[in-house]
Amino acid sequence: MEQKSGDHDRVLALAGIFQAARLVQQLSREGRAEPQPFAASLRSVLAIDAPSTADVYGGAGGVALGLTLVRDKLGGSAEPRDLEMAKYVIAMLQLEAALRRRPEVAQAIRAGLRTIQAQMEFFESPEDDEAVHPHLPEKLAELYTRTLSTLNPRIMVTGEQGYLANAQIAASVRAALFAGIRSAVLWRQLGGSRWQLLLSRPRLAAEAARRLEALRA
């Protein structure tokens, strides 16, 4: 995949991070996640050799929720829960930085994802766009626990304890976090940085708005 790109591609990776953060919120506070964004985000983790940035998400529409969040939140719209979402976004970027310092963990992740890819080819139907096979969150959560959760700083998820204590929901939360880290890796590969996120908010919000308009055209 191309290592350098402009905002046109970079904003999709950023949208992937924001979308994952919102999915974590939904799961931990409501016990559910929007099916289509959840499916697109989880499948992005397995898109190791995608030919383009959009293809990582099954097309730009796969991160429509994330693009909307980037447009609105970086463009100035704020809600009380945005502080929590921002915390998850920053934590994902920090964990990606920690992962870059641990190549042996990155290698273990790549090997684990290859195994999960092979398993999902057996389980999943390619026509099923709206949902993921229940094994996918479980497998991603297991790999997350063995690899990313060993790095510091660990991402601390807050929410309703009844949901977080549910094994299936907890696995989905870890899988969504994995998707956010995957997008954070892509954001970095495309030239993104935390400074850029801080200093280029209006520009990134405008690019997200353009991508959303293109999806509606």
Protein backbone atom coordinates (compact mmCIF):
# COMPACT_ATOMS: atom_id res chain seq x y z
CA MET A 1 0.00 0.00 0.00
CA GLU A 2 1.22 3.52 -0.74
CA GLN A 3 3.00 4.95 2.30
CA LYS A 4 2.40 8.62 1.58
CA SER A 5 -0.91 10.19 0.66
CA GLY A 6 -2.84 13.42 1.04
CA ASP A 7 -5.87 14.12 3.18
CA HIS A 8 -8.09 12.33 0.65
CA ASP A 9 -6.90 8.93 1.91
CA ARG A 10 -5.66 9.99 5.32
CA VAL A 11 -9.09 11.11 6.45
CA LEU A 12 -10.46 7.60 5.81
CA ALA A 13 -7.92 6.15 8.26
CA LEU A 14 -8.80 8.84 10.79
CA ALA A 15 -12.47 8.04 10.28
CA GLY A 16 -11.63 4.41 11.02
CA ILE A 17 -10.18 5.44 14.39
CA PHE A 18 -13.16 7.65 15.27
CA GLN A 19 -15.61 4.97 14.16
CA ALA A 20 -13.92 2.36 16.34
CA ALA A 21 -14.05 4.73 19.31
CA ARG A 22 -17.78 5.25 18.84
CA LEU A 23 -18.36 1.50 18.50
CA VAL A 24 -16.53 0.96 21.81
CA GLN A 25 -18.82 3.57 23.38
CA GLN A 26 -21.94 1.95 21.97
CA LEU A 27 -20.95 -1.51 23.15
CA SER A 28 -19.86 -0.48 26.63
CA ARG A 29 -22.78 1.86 27.31
CA GLU A 30 -25.64 0.37 25.27
CA GLY A 31 -24.62 -3.27 24.89
CA ARG A 32 -24.87 -3.05 21.12
CA ALA A 33 -23.13 -1.56 18.07
CA GLU A 34 -24.45 -0.43 14.70
CA PRO A 35 -24.16 -3.59 12.58
CA GLN A 36 -22.78 -2.20 9.32
CA PRO A 37 -20.04 0.02 10.80
CA PHE A 38 -19.14 -2.78 13.22
CA ALA A 39 -18.79 -5.27 10.36
CA ALA A 40 -16.72 -2.88 8.22
CA SER A 41 -14.43 -1.99 11.12
CA LEU A 42 -13.77 -5.59 12.15
CA ARG A 43 -13.16 -6.72 8.58
CA SER A 44 -10.66 -3.89 8.15
CA VAL A 45 -8.41 -5.63 10.66
CA LEU A 46 -8.10 -8.57 8.26
CA ALA A 47 -7.53 -6.36 5.17
CA ILE A 48 -3.77 -6.69 5.42
CA ASP A 49 -3.01 -6.49 1.70
CA ALA A 50 -5.80 -4.17 0.51
CA PRO A 51 -4.88 -2.41 -2.77
CA SER A 52 -6.12 1.00 -1.59
CA THR A 53 -7.08 2.82 1.59
CA ALA A 54 -10.78 2.69 0.74
CA ASP A 55 -10.56 -1.05 0.13
CA VAL A 56 -9.41 -1.56 3.72
CA TYR A 57 -12.96 -0.65 4.74
CA GLY A 58 -14.79 -2.28 1.86
CA GLY A 59 -15.14 1.15 0.24
CA ALA A 60 -15.35 4.62 1.78
CA GLY A 61 -18.92 3.88 2.82
CA GLY A 62 -17.54 1.43 5.37
CA VAL A 63 -16.41 4.38 7.49
CA ALA A 64 -19.37 6.69 6.81
CA LEU A 65 -20.07 6.80 10.55
CA GLY A 66 -16.45 7.72 11.23
CA LEU A 67 -16.42 10.37 8.49
CA THR A 68 -19.51 11.94 10.03
CA LEU A 69 -17.79 12.00 13.41
CA VAL A 70 -14.62 13.56 11.98
CA ARG A 71 -16.67 16.18 10.14
CA ASP A 72 -18.77 17.08 13.17
CA LYS A 73 -16.30 16.73 16.05
CA LEU A 74 -13.26 18.27 14.38
CA GLY A 75 -15.54 20.88 12.82
CA GLY A 76 -16.72 22.22 16.16
CA SER A 77 -19.81 20.25 17.18
CA ALA A 78 -19.44 18.89 20.71
CA GLU A 79 -21.46 16.72 23.07
CA PRO A 80 -20.74 15.56 26.64
CA ARG A 81 -19.74 12.08 25.50
CA ASP A 82 -17.17 13.49 23.06
CA LEU A 83 -14.55 13.74 25.81
CA GLU A 84 -14.76 9.98 26.31
CA MET A 85 -14.53 9.35 22.58
CA ALA A 86 -11.51 11.66 22.33
CA LYS A 87 -9.90 9.68 25.16
CA TYR A 88 -10.28 6.46 23.15
CA VAL A 89 -8.92 8.07 19.97
CA ILE A 90 -5.82 9.36 21.78
CA ALA A 91 -5.34 6.02 23.55
CA MET A 92 -5.43 4.17 20.22
CA LEU A 93 -2.81 6.51 18.77
CA GLN A 94 -0.64 6.00 21.85
CA LEU A 95 -0.96 2.22 21.63
CA GLU A 96 -0.01 2.32 17.94
CA ALA A 97 3.14 4.21 18.91
CA ALA A 98 3.91 1.58 21.54
CA LEU A 99 3.38 -1.15 18.94
CA ARG A 100 5.97 0.43 16.64
CA ARG A 101 8.53 0.01 19.42
CA ARG A 102 7.74 -3.70 19.77
CA PRO A 103 8.33 -5.39 16.39
CA GLU A 104 8.00 -8.86 17.91
CA VAL A 105 4.43 -8.03 18.98
CA ALA A 106 3.64 -6.67 15.50
CA GLN A 107 4.97 -9.91 14.01
CA ALA A 108 2.78 -11.98 16.34
CA ILE A 109 -0.23 -9.90 15.31
CA ARG A 110 0.46 -10.43 11.60
CA ALA A 111 0.79 -14.19 12.10
CA GLY A 112 -2.39 -14.30 14.17
CA LEU A 113 -4.34 -12.31 11.59
CA ARG A 114 -3.26 -14.68 8.81
CA THR A 115 -4.67 -17.55 10.86
CA ILE A 116 -7.94 -15.71 11.50
CA GLN A 117 -8.20 -14.84 7.80
CA ALA A 118 -8.04 -18.52 6.90
CA GLN A 119 -10.63 -19.39 9.53
CA MET A 120 -13.05 -16.67 8.38
CA GLU A 121 -12.80 -17.79 4.75
CA PHE A 122 -14.23 -21.08 5.97
CA PHE A 123 -16.96 -19.57 8.18
CA GLU A 124 -18.17 -16.42 6.43
CA SER A 125 -20.31 -15.86 3.35
CA PRO A 126 -18.96 -13.11 1.06
CA GLU A 127 -22.52 -11.88 0.40
CA ASP A 128 -23.12 -11.05 4.08
CA ASP A 129 -22.39 -7.30 4.30
CA GLU A 130 -24.45 -6.43 7.34
CA ALA A 131 -23.05 -8.69 10.01
CA VAL A 132 -19.95 -10.53 11.06
CA HIS A 133 -19.74 -14.15 12.03
CA PRO A 134 -19.74 -14.42 15.85
CA HIS A 135 -16.37 -16.16 15.69
CA LEU A 136 -14.68 -13.02 14.28
CA PRO A 137 -15.02 -10.79 17.38
CA GLU A 138 -14.02 -13.76 19.54
CA LYS A 139 -10.89 -14.51 17.51
CA LEU A 140 -9.85 -10.86 17.29
CA ALA A 141 -10.43 -10.41 21.02
CA GLU A 142 -8.24 -13.43 21.78
CA LEU A 143 -5.43 -12.06 19.60
CA TYR A 144 -5.84 -8.59 21.14
CA THR A 145 -5.50 -10.09 24.63
CA ARG A 146 -2.34 -12.00 23.68
CA THR A 147 -0.66 -9.07 21.97
CA LEU A 148 -1.94 -5.49 22.20
CA SER A 149 -3.16 -5.79 25.79
CA THR A 150 0.42 -6.56 26.86
CA LEU A 151 1.56 -3.09 25.76
CA ASN A 152 1.44 0.13 27.75
CA PRO A 153 -0.50 2.29 28.06
CA ARG A 154 -3.44 -0.11 28.20
CA ILE A 155 -6.76 1.25 26.99
CA MET A 156 -9.22 1.51 29.86
CA VAL A 157 -12.85 1.22 28.76
CA THR A 158 -15.61 2.74 30.87
CA GLY A 159 -19.31 1.95 30.64
CA GLU A 160 -22.11 -0.08 32.18
CA GLN A 161 -20.61 -2.86 34.26
CA GLY A 162 -23.38 -5.25 33.29
CA TYR A 163 -22.39 -4.94 29.64
CA LEU A 164 -18.64 -5.03 30.26
CA ALA A 165 -19.05 -8.19 32.36
CA ASN A 166 -20.79 -9.93 29.45
CA ALA A 167 -18.21 -12.11 27.69
CA GLN A 168 -19.64 -11.58 24.20
CA ILE A 169 -19.84 -7.80 24.59
CA ALA A 170 -16.36 -7.67 26.14
CA ALA A 171 -14.99 -9.59 23.15
CA SER A 172 -16.71 -7.17 20.76
CA VAL A 173 -15.19 -4.22 22.65
CA ARG A 174 -11.69 -5.69 22.28
CA ALA A 175 -12.35 -6.39 18.60
CA ALA A 176 -13.47 -2.79 18.06
CA LEU A 177 -10.33 -1.55 19.82
CA PHE A 178 -8.29 -3.80 17.52
CA ALA A 179 -10.00 -2.13 14.54
CA GLY A 180 -9.07 1.27 15.93
CA ILE A 181 -5.42 0.27 16.27
CA ARG A 182 -5.48 -1.07 12.70
CA SER A 183 -6.73 2.32 11.50
CA ALA A 184 -4.15 4.10 13.67
CA VAL A 185 -1.41 2.07 11.97
CA LEU A 186 -2.84 3.06 8.58
CA TRP A 187 -3.11 6.73 9.64
CA ARG A 188 0.58 6.68 10.54
CA GLN A 189 1.55 4.90 7.30
CA LEU A 190 -0.24 7.63 5.34
CA GLY A 191 1.69 10.38 7.09
CA GLY A 192 -0.71 11.15 9.90
CA SER A 193 0.45 12.22 13.35
CA ARG A 194 -1.01 13.47 16.63
CA TRP A 195 0.30 16.95 15.85
CA GLN A 196 -1.49 16.91 12.51
CA LEU A 197 -4.69 15.86 14.26
CA LEU A 198 -4.35 18.83 16.63
CA LEU A 199 -3.26 21.45 14.11
CA SER A 200 -5.26 20.45 11.00
CA ARG A 201 -8.71 19.93 12.49
CA PRO A 202 -10.62 22.28 10.13
CA ARG A 203 -8.89 20.87 7.05
CA LEU A 204 -9.57 17.26 8.06
CA ALA A 205 -13.19 18.08 8.92
CA ALA A 206 -13.63 19.68 5.48
CA GLU A 207 -12.12 16.66 3.74
CA ALA A 208 -14.44 14.34 5.69
CA ALA A 209 -17.38 16.46 4.55
CA ARG A 210 -16.22 16.15 0.93
CA ARG A 211 -15.93 12.36 1.24
CA LEU A 212 -19.45 12.17 2.66
CA GLU A 213 -20.83 14.30 -0.18
CA ALA A 214 -19.14 12.01 -2.69
CA LEU A 215 -20.81 9.00 -1.06
CA ARG A 216 -24.23 10.64 -1.45
CA ALA A 217 -23.64 11.60 -5.09
